[in-house]
Amino acid sequence: MALKFPIYPPPQYGGQTQPVKRPKEFACFSYDKDHKFRLDDSSLKWYYPPDLGVNLSNGFDQFIRHDDSIDEHLDSLLKTIASHEQKTGEPIDAHIVTWRGMLTKIMAVPFDDSEFEMNATFYRDSIFVEEHHAFSLAQRQQEVAGRPGRRNGPLPEMMSYWGYKFETLSTLPRPWGETSRDYIENRDQEVVNNKEQYCSVVRTGFGNTIVCLGGEVDAIWDAKPATPGEPIKWVELKTSAEIRNQNEQFRFDRRALKYWIQSFLLGVPKIIVGFRNQDGILTSVQEFQTMSLPYEVQRRGMAKWDGNVCIKFATLFLDWLRLNIKDEGVWRIRRRKGAKDIEVFRVEEVGHGRIITDEFMDWRIKLELRKAKPPDLETPPAV
């Protein structure tokens, strides 16, 4: 029998705001150009303004695309956490461990009726949550099939490429002073490859729930601070259609909900949007401060979303989830399209499915044994 968490109208989540812990990066990892995992920051990119007037369709026929039909589970995140724990000698204190994308969907629920499914399992005081990949893949395929594009307009595959192209045009592999002028001036000739990613792993929290999140970061503004845990000047890069009338402003403001949540969760302070026309020509670039974006949208009064409501909903849901997933097995977290509740039910009675790797469980056992081992007695002085 499914447990159900009710979804109330947004005004019922008003009132006192919930405490949120500032996201602090405690680890990172990279995927290289072949999407191979690397426990370093080798895929970190630096922001550099793109040239306007560029055709974002250029190079589409050479696009090196990551195969998203492969279910990668939480594997890379767990490897990174284990590496961090090996250095500290302590398990992380998170109640929830997941990718940013999962919590983005949860936070957006009060203003977004989209359906989703996730898998979860409880292991050593933490709930590990991942995408239900088969459902999400079928959903993406259905969305593409149902959006053929406007008549004589761009196809969804091309529109997706425009986003990756904008990232390529707006980033450098090294800081500006270490990058050749030739590279900077010829970024339009770079082959777009979305297999390469830098991923930040942060500790954050909602109310009493501590969360460990992993998520891709597009670029950095200047440099990482010398002191770990200090705020980092990350940049989130997005593309959007030009805003020429109120209807287009409304559509942008509605999409800004996801822009804000994604940046808020990883502590990204700046969102940079490349605006393009219907032919994919980059016409302007605008910067938005993550913390002020909800107030800008509210001031215009067209898209009715509220960041504080998103935070309070997520806080209440995570508290509820912790009360109800307290033993092993695989659980499904499901929200049907437009439903007034989120369902949670067990789909496997024992084990952890593929959510947690054997490698990670072996490490946690070793860590527990190491912590339980009594300290060696001091060697008595020689007589």
Protein backbone atom coordinates (compact mmCIF):
# COMPACT_ATOMS: atom_id res chain seq x y z
CA MET A 1 0.00 0.00 0.00
CA ALA A 2 1.38 3.38 -0.99
CA LEU A 3 2.07 6.12 1.51
CA LYS A 4 0.95 9.53 0.29
CA PHE A 5 2.38 12.98 0.95
CA PRO A 6 -0.30 15.60 0.14
CA ILE A 7 0.39 18.55 -2.15
CA TYR A 8 -1.55 21.61 -1.03
CA PRO A 9 -2.07 24.91 -2.91
CA PRO A 10 1.01 27.18 -2.62
CA PRO A 11 -0.57 29.69 -0.16
CA GLN A 12 -0.71 26.95 2.48
CA TYR A 13 3.11 26.87 2.52
CA GLY A 14 3.37 30.55 3.30
CA GLY A 15 4.28 32.09 6.62
CA GLN A 16 7.58 31.63 8.40
CA THR A 17 10.47 30.68 6.13
CA GLN A 18 12.44 27.49 6.75
CA PRO A 19 16.15 27.51 7.65
CA VAL A 20 18.41 26.43 4.80
CA LYS A 21 22.09 25.57 5.13
CA ARG A 22 24.34 27.27 2.59
CA PRO A 23 25.66 24.68 0.13
CA LYS A 24 29.36 24.00 0.75
CA GLU A 25 31.46 22.03 -1.71
CA PHE A 26 33.43 19.32 0.09
CA ALA A 27 34.44 17.24 -2.95
CA CYS A 28 34.27 17.19 -6.74
CA PHE A 29 34.85 14.92 -9.72
CA SER A 30 35.05 15.16 -13.49
CA TYR A 31 33.98 13.27 -16.56
CA ASP A 32 36.55 13.62 -19.32
CA LYS A 33 35.89 13.96 -23.06
CA ASP A 34 35.12 10.23 -23.22
CA HIS A 35 32.88 10.47 -20.14
CA LYS A 36 35.39 8.57 -18.04
CA PHE A 37 35.23 9.25 -14.29
CA ARG A 38 38.12 11.21 -12.82
CA LEU A 39 38.47 12.11 -9.16
CA ASP A 40 39.70 15.64 -9.86
CA ASP A 41 38.66 19.03 -11.27
CA SER A 42 40.21 18.51 -14.72
CA SER A 43 36.95 19.34 -16.53
CA LEU A 44 36.45 22.67 -14.76
CA LYS A 45 35.70 25.53 -17.16
CA TRP A 46 36.12 29.31 -16.85
CA TYR A 47 33.47 31.75 -18.04
CA TYR A 48 34.36 34.15 -20.85
CA PRO A 49 31.70 36.23 -22.65
CA PRO A 50 30.65 34.83 -26.06
CA ASP A 51 30.51 36.83 -29.26
CA LEU A 52 27.04 37.98 -30.27
CA GLY A 53 25.65 37.17 -33.70
CA VAL A 54 26.98 33.61 -33.65
CA ASN A 55 24.81 30.89 -35.17
CA LEU A 56 24.24 28.34 -32.39
CA SER A 57 23.54 25.67 -35.01
CA ASN A 58 27.13 25.70 -36.23
CA GLY A 59 28.83 22.31 -35.83
CA PHE A 60 25.63 20.36 -35.12
CA ASP A 61 26.73 17.61 -37.54
CA GLN A 62 29.90 17.08 -35.45
CA PHE A 63 28.18 17.07 -32.04
CA ILE A 64 29.67 14.44 -29.68
CA ARG A 65 26.63 13.48 -27.66
CA HIS A 66 26.56 11.58 -24.39
CA ASP A 67 24.38 8.45 -24.50
CA ASP A 68 21.76 9.16 -21.84
CA SER A 69 20.16 5.73 -22.33
CA ILE A 70 22.89 4.35 -20.03
CA ASP A 71 21.82 4.24 -16.39
CA GLU A 72 24.74 5.57 -14.35
CA HIS A 73 22.93 5.35 -10.99
CA LEU A 74 24.75 7.09 -8.12
CA ASP A 75 28.06 5.39 -8.90
CA SER A 76 30.24 8.46 -9.48
CA LEU A 77 28.77 10.30 -6.50
CA LEU A 78 29.39 7.29 -4.23
CA LYS A 79 33.01 6.96 -5.41
CA THR A 80 33.59 10.61 -4.59
CA ILE A 81 31.97 10.33 -1.16
CA ALA A 82 34.05 7.23 -0.34
CA SER A 83 37.24 9.04 -1.36
CA HIS A 84 36.34 11.95 0.92
CA GLU A 85 35.61 9.59 3.81
CA GLN A 86 38.95 7.85 3.32
CA LYS A 87 40.64 11.21 3.92
CA THR A 88 38.55 12.22 6.94
CA GLY A 89 38.09 8.80 8.52
CA GLU A 90 34.43 9.63 9.14
CA PRO A 91 31.22 8.90 7.20
CA ILE A 92 29.41 11.95 5.89
CA ASP A 93 26.51 13.03 8.10
CA ALA A 94 23.88 13.37 5.37
CA HIS A 95 20.33 12.11 5.88
CA ILE A 96 19.68 12.27 2.10
CA VAL A 97 22.20 11.51 -0.69
CA THR A 98 21.13 12.25 -4.26
CA TRP A 99 21.73 14.15 -7.48
CA ARG A 100 20.65 17.76 -7.77
CA GLY A 101 18.10 16.84 -10.45
CA MET A 102 16.04 14.78 -8.01
CA LEU A 103 15.72 17.55 -5.45
CA THR A 104 15.01 20.06 -8.23
CA LYS A 105 11.90 18.05 -9.12
CA ILE A 106 10.79 17.92 -5.49
CA MET A 107 11.26 21.65 -4.91
CA ALA A 108 9.33 22.55 -8.06
CA VAL A 109 6.23 20.49 -7.15
CA PRO A 110 4.06 23.35 -5.77
CA PHE A 111 4.25 25.16 -9.13
CA ASP A 112 4.89 22.33 -11.60
CA ASP A 113 2.50 19.46 -12.26
CA SER A 114 5.09 17.29 -14.07
CA GLU A 115 5.25 13.58 -13.31
CA PHE A 116 8.37 11.82 -12.04
CA GLU A 117 9.56 8.57 -10.54
CA MET A 118 12.60 7.97 -8.34
CA ASN A 119 14.07 4.98 -6.54
CA ALA A 120 15.28 5.14 -2.95
CA THR A 121 16.88 2.89 -0.35
CA PHE A 122 17.93 3.22 3.29
CA TYR A 123 21.49 2.33 4.23
CA ARG A 124 23.37 3.13 7.45
CA ASP A 125 21.27 6.10 8.54
CA SER A 126 21.00 7.68 5.06
CA ILE A 127 18.40 7.58 2.30
CA PHE A 128 19.95 7.31 -1.16
CA VAL A 129 17.71 8.59 -3.97
CA GLU A 130 18.23 8.24 -7.71
CA GLU A 131 16.27 8.65 -10.92
CA HIS A 132 14.02 5.76 -11.98
CA HIS A 133 15.91 5.64 -15.24
CA ALA A 134 13.54 3.50 -17.34
CA PHE A 135 10.63 5.81 -16.55
CA SER A 136 12.60 9.01 -17.17
CA LEU A 137 14.08 7.74 -20.44
CA ALA A 138 10.64 6.78 -21.76
CA GLN A 139 9.33 10.16 -20.64
CA ARG A 140 12.09 12.04 -22.51
CA GLN A 141 11.51 10.01 -25.65
CA GLN A 142 7.79 10.68 -25.48
CA GLU A 143 8.38 14.41 -25.02
CA VAL A 144 10.65 14.56 -28.06
CA ALA A 145 8.15 12.59 -30.15
CA GLY A 146 5.35 14.90 -29.05
CA ARG A 147 7.26 18.14 -29.82
CA PRO A 148 8.00 18.10 -33.54
CA GLY A 149 8.86 21.78 -33.48
CA ARG A 150 7.07 24.67 -35.08
CA ARG A 151 6.39 24.64 -38.75
CA ASN A 152 9.66 25.58 -40.45
CA GLY A 153 11.12 25.92 -36.92
CA PRO A 154 13.87 24.10 -35.04
CA LEU A 155 13.58 20.45 -33.97
CA PRO A 156 13.95 19.60 -30.27
CA GLU A 157 17.35 17.99 -30.92
CA MET A 158 18.61 21.22 -32.43
CA MET A 159 17.24 23.32 -29.56
CA SER A 160 19.03 21.06 -27.09
CA TYR A 161 22.25 21.48 -29.09
CA TRP A 162 21.93 25.27 -28.92
CA GLY A 163 22.30 25.04 -25.14
CA TYR A 164 25.49 22.99 -25.33
CA LYS A 165 26.83 25.22 -28.08
CA PHE A 166 26.27 28.29 -25.90
CA GLU A 167 28.25 26.62 -23.10
CA THR A 168 31.13 25.93 -25.50
CA LEU A 169 31.09 29.54 -26.73
CA SER A 170 31.03 30.87 -23.16
CA THR A 171 33.79 28.84 -21.52
CA LEU A 172 37.55 28.36 -21.58
CA PRO A 173 39.50 25.28 -20.45
CA ARG A 174 41.89 27.49 -18.46
CA PRO A 175 41.70 31.00 -16.94
CA TRP A 176 41.74 33.86 -19.46
CA GLY A 177 45.38 34.76 -18.78
CA GLU A 178 46.47 31.18 -19.52
CA THR A 179 44.44 30.78 -22.72
CA SER A 180 45.74 31.72 -26.15
CA ARG A 181 44.11 34.52 -28.11
CA ASP A 182 43.70 32.10 -31.01
CA TYR A 183 41.60 29.73 -28.87
CA ILE A 184 39.45 32.56 -27.51
CA GLU A 185 38.72 33.99 -30.95
CA ASN A 186 37.94 30.61 -32.52
CA ARG A 187 35.64 29.03 -29.95
CA ASP A 188 32.96 28.78 -32.61
CA GLN A 189 35.12 26.13 -34.29
CA GLU A 190 35.32 23.93 -31.17
CA VAL A 191 33.46 20.62 -31.48
CA VAL A 192 30.63 20.50 -28.92
CA ASN A 193 31.01 17.55 -26.55
CA ASN A 194 28.54 17.12 -23.69
CA LYS A 195 30.33 14.04 -22.34
CA GLU A 196 32.77 16.27 -20.50
CA GLN A 197 31.48 17.61 -17.16
CA TYR A 198 32.65 19.04 -13.87
CA CYS A 199 30.51 17.95 -10.91
CA SER A 200 30.40 19.62 -7.51
CA VAL A 201 29.48 17.64 -4.39
CA VAL A 202 28.01 19.80 -1.64
CA ARG A 203 26.63 19.55 1.88
CA THR A 204 23.43 21.53 2.38
CA GLY A 205 20.29 21.23 4.44
CA PHE A 206 16.57 21.95 4.76
CA GLY A 207 15.38 22.42 8.33
CA ASN A 208 16.69 19.42 10.28
CA THR A 209 17.54 17.38 7.18
CA ILE A 210 21.16 17.37 6.01
CA VAL A 211 21.53 16.70 2.29
CA CYS A 212 24.50 15.63 0.17
CA LEU A 213 24.01 16.68 -3.45
CA GLY A 214 26.03 16.11 -6.59
CA GLY A 215 25.48 18.16 -9.73
CA GLU A 216 27.14 19.53 -12.84
CA VAL A 217 28.52 23.06 -12.75
CA ASP A 218 28.95 24.87 -16.07
CA ALA A 219 31.76 27.28 -15.24
CA ILE A 220 33.55 29.37 -12.64
CA TRP A 221 33.82 33.17 -12.74
CA ASP A 222 37.34 33.51 -11.41
CA ALA A 223 38.94 30.89 -9.10
CA LYS A 224 38.11 28.58 -6.23
CA PRO A 225 38.82 30.10 -2.81
CA ALA A 226 41.84 28.81 -0.94
CA THR A 227 39.71 27.87 2.08
CA PRO A 228 37.50 24.77 1.50
CA GLY A 229 33.80 25.41 2.05
CA GLU A 230 33.95 29.12 1.22
CA PRO A 231 31.43 30.42 -1.37
CA ILE A 232 32.50 29.80 -4.97
CA LYS A 233 31.66 32.15 -7.83
CA TRP A 234 30.04 29.51 -10.03
CA VAL A 235 28.13 30.37 -13.21
CA GLU A 236 25.06 28.57 -14.57
CA LEU A 237 24.65 28.92 -18.35
CA LYS A 238 21.24 28.80 -20.04
CA THR A 239 19.73 29.66 -23.42
CA SER A 240 16.28 31.03 -24.09
CA ALA A 241 14.20 32.52 -26.87
CA GLU A 242 14.25 36.29 -27.21
CA ILE A 243 11.71 38.15 -25.09
CA ARG A 244 9.70 40.37 -27.45
CA ASN A 245 6.28 40.50 -25.77
CA GLN A 246 4.43 39.71 -22.54
CA ASN A 247 3.68 36.10 -23.52
CA GLU A 248 7.37 35.42 -24.09
CA GLN A 249 8.23 37.15 -20.80
CA PHE A 250 5.71 34.90 -19.03
CA ARG A 251 7.27 31.77 -20.57
CA PHE A 252 10.75 32.89 -19.53
CA ASP A 253 9.64 33.72 -15.98
CA ARG A 254 8.01 30.30 -15.66
CA ARG A 255 11.20 28.56 -16.84
CA ALA A 256 13.18 30.70 -14.41
CA LEU A 257 11.78 28.56 -11.59
CA LYS A 258 14.02 25.65 -12.62
CA TYR A 259 16.93 28.01 -13.31
CA TRP A 260 16.67 29.32 -9.78
CA ILE A 261 16.26 25.94 -8.07
CA GLN A 262 19.20 24.35 -9.90
CA SER A 263 21.49 27.23 -9.00
CA PHE A 264 20.19 27.61 -5.44
CA LEU A 265 20.85 23.95 -4.59
CA LEU A 266 24.55 24.03 -5.49
CA GLY A 267 25.21 27.56 -4.28
CA VAL A 268 25.65 29.03 -7.77
CA PRO A 269 25.37 32.84 -7.38
CA LYS A 270 25.06 33.88 -11.04
CA ILE A 271 22.90 32.69 -13.95
CA ILE A 272 23.88 33.86 -17.43
CA VAL A 273 21.28 33.50 -20.16
CA GLY A 274 22.03 33.63 -23.86
CA PHE A 275 18.98 34.87 -25.76
CA ARG A 276 18.58 33.70 -29.36
CA ASN A 277 16.11 34.17 -32.18
CA GLN A 278 14.08 31.44 -33.84
CA ASP A 279 16.95 30.72 -36.25
CA GLY A 280 19.39 30.07 -33.41
CA ILE A 281 21.33 33.35 -33.71
CA LEU A 282 22.71 34.56 -30.36
CA THR A 283 21.33 38.09 -30.01
CA SER A 284 22.08 39.07 -26.40
CA VAL A 285 23.45 37.85 -23.08
CA GLN A 286 22.01 38.80 -19.69
CA GLU A 287 23.21 38.10 -16.14
CA PHE A 288 20.85 37.28 -13.25
CA GLN A 289 21.73 37.01 -9.57
CA THR A 290 20.35 33.75 -8.20
CA MET A 291 19.26 35.22 -4.86
CA SER A 292 17.31 38.09 -6.44
CA LEU A 293 15.73 36.15 -9.34
CA PRO A 294 12.56 35.09 -7.42
CA TYR A 295 11.91 38.73 -6.46
CA GLU A 296 12.36 39.90 -10.06
CA VAL A 297 9.78 37.35 -11.22
CA GLN A 298 7.36 38.29 -8.43
CA ARG A 299 7.74 41.98 -9.25
CA ARG A 300 6.59 41.37 -12.83
CA GLY A 301 3.67 39.36 -11.46
CA MET A 302 3.16 37.05 -14.45
CA ALA A 303 4.61 33.70 -13.39
CA LYS A 304 3.28 32.89 -9.91
CA TRP A 305 6.08 31.00 -8.22
CA ASP A 306 7.67 31.69 -4.85
CA GLY A 307 11.08 30.41 -3.78
CA ASN A 308 10.14 30.32 -0.09
CA VAL A 309 7.20 28.05 -0.88
CA CYS A 310 9.55 25.68 -2.75
CA ILE A 311 11.92 25.57 0.23
CA LYS A 312 9.16 24.94 2.77
CA PHE A 313 7.60 22.18 0.64
CA ALA A 314 10.96 20.44 0.23
CA THR A 315 11.65 20.72 3.98
CA LEU A 316 8.33 19.14 4.90
CA PHE A 317 8.64 16.39 2.29
CA LEU A 318 12.18 15.41 3.31
CA ASP A 319 11.14 15.27 6.98
CA TRP A 320 8.23 13.02 6.02
CA LEU A 321 10.42 10.83 3.81
CA ARG A 322 12.87 10.26 6.68
CA LEU A 323 10.01 9.17 8.93
CA ASN A 324 8.78 6.60 6.42
CA ILE A 325 11.89 5.10 4.80
CA LYS A 326 13.78 3.60 7.73
CA ASP A 327 14.70 0.10 6.65
CA GLU A 328 16.17 -1.70 3.64
CA GLY A 329 14.52 -2.58 0.37
CA VAL A 330 13.91 -0.44 -2.72
CA TRP A 331 11.26 2.25 -2.55
CA ARG A 332 9.55 4.13 -5.37
CA ILE A 333 8.86 7.84 -5.06
CA ARG A 334 6.21 8.72 -7.63
CA ARG A 335 4.25 11.77 -8.61
CA ARG A 336 1.70 11.28 -11.40
CA LYS A 337 1.07 14.22 -13.71
CA GLY A 338 -1.14 16.75 -11.98
CA ALA A 339 -1.61 14.53 -8.91
CA LYS A 340 -2.34 16.12 -5.54
CA ASP A 341 0.09 13.85 -3.70
CA ILE A 342 3.46 12.13 -3.94
CA GLU A 343 3.31 8.36 -3.46
CA VAL A 344 5.99 6.28 -1.74
CA PHE A 345 5.83 2.49 -1.82
CA ARG A 346 8.22 -0.44 -1.59
CA VAL A 347 9.01 -2.31 -4.81
CA GLU A 348 11.67 -4.67 -3.39
CA GLU A 349 11.49 -5.99 0.15
CA VAL A 350 15.18 -6.60 0.76
CA GLY A 351 18.54 -5.35 -0.47
CA HIS A 352 19.33 -2.04 -2.11
CA GLY A 353 18.85 -2.80 -5.81
CA ARG A 354 21.53 -1.10 -7.89
CA ILE A 355 21.18 2.18 -6.03
CA ILE A 356 24.22 1.52 -3.83
CA THR A 357 27.28 -0.19 -5.27
CA ASP A 358 28.96 -3.21 -3.65
CA GLU A 359 32.17 -1.18 -3.67
CA PHE A 360 30.57 1.55 -1.55
CA MET A 361 29.03 -0.92 0.90
CA ASP A 362 32.37 -2.74 1.28
CA TRP A 363 34.04 0.61 2.03
CA ARG A 364 31.46 1.53 4.66
CA ILE A 365 31.95 -1.86 6.38
CA LYS A 366 35.72 -1.29 6.43
CA LEU A 367 35.20 2.21 7.82
CA GLU A 368 32.95 0.91 10.58
CA LEU A 369 35.42 -1.81 11.53
CA ARG A 370 38.24 0.71 11.54
CA LYS A 371 36.31 3.01 13.87
CA ALA A 372 35.37 0.10 16.16
CA LYS A 373 38.96 -1.13 16.48
CA PRO A 374 40.44 -0.08 19.85
CA PRO A 375 43.51 2.16 19.66
CA ASP A 376 46.85 0.41 19.93
CA LEU A 377 48.33 0.44 23.39
CA GLU A 378 51.29 2.69 23.76
CA THR A 379 54.59 0.89 23.56
CA PRO A 380 56.21 0.92 27.03
CA PRO A 381 59.53 2.69 27.25
CA ALA A 382 62.62 0.53 27.02
CA VAL A 383 64.25 -0.27 30.37
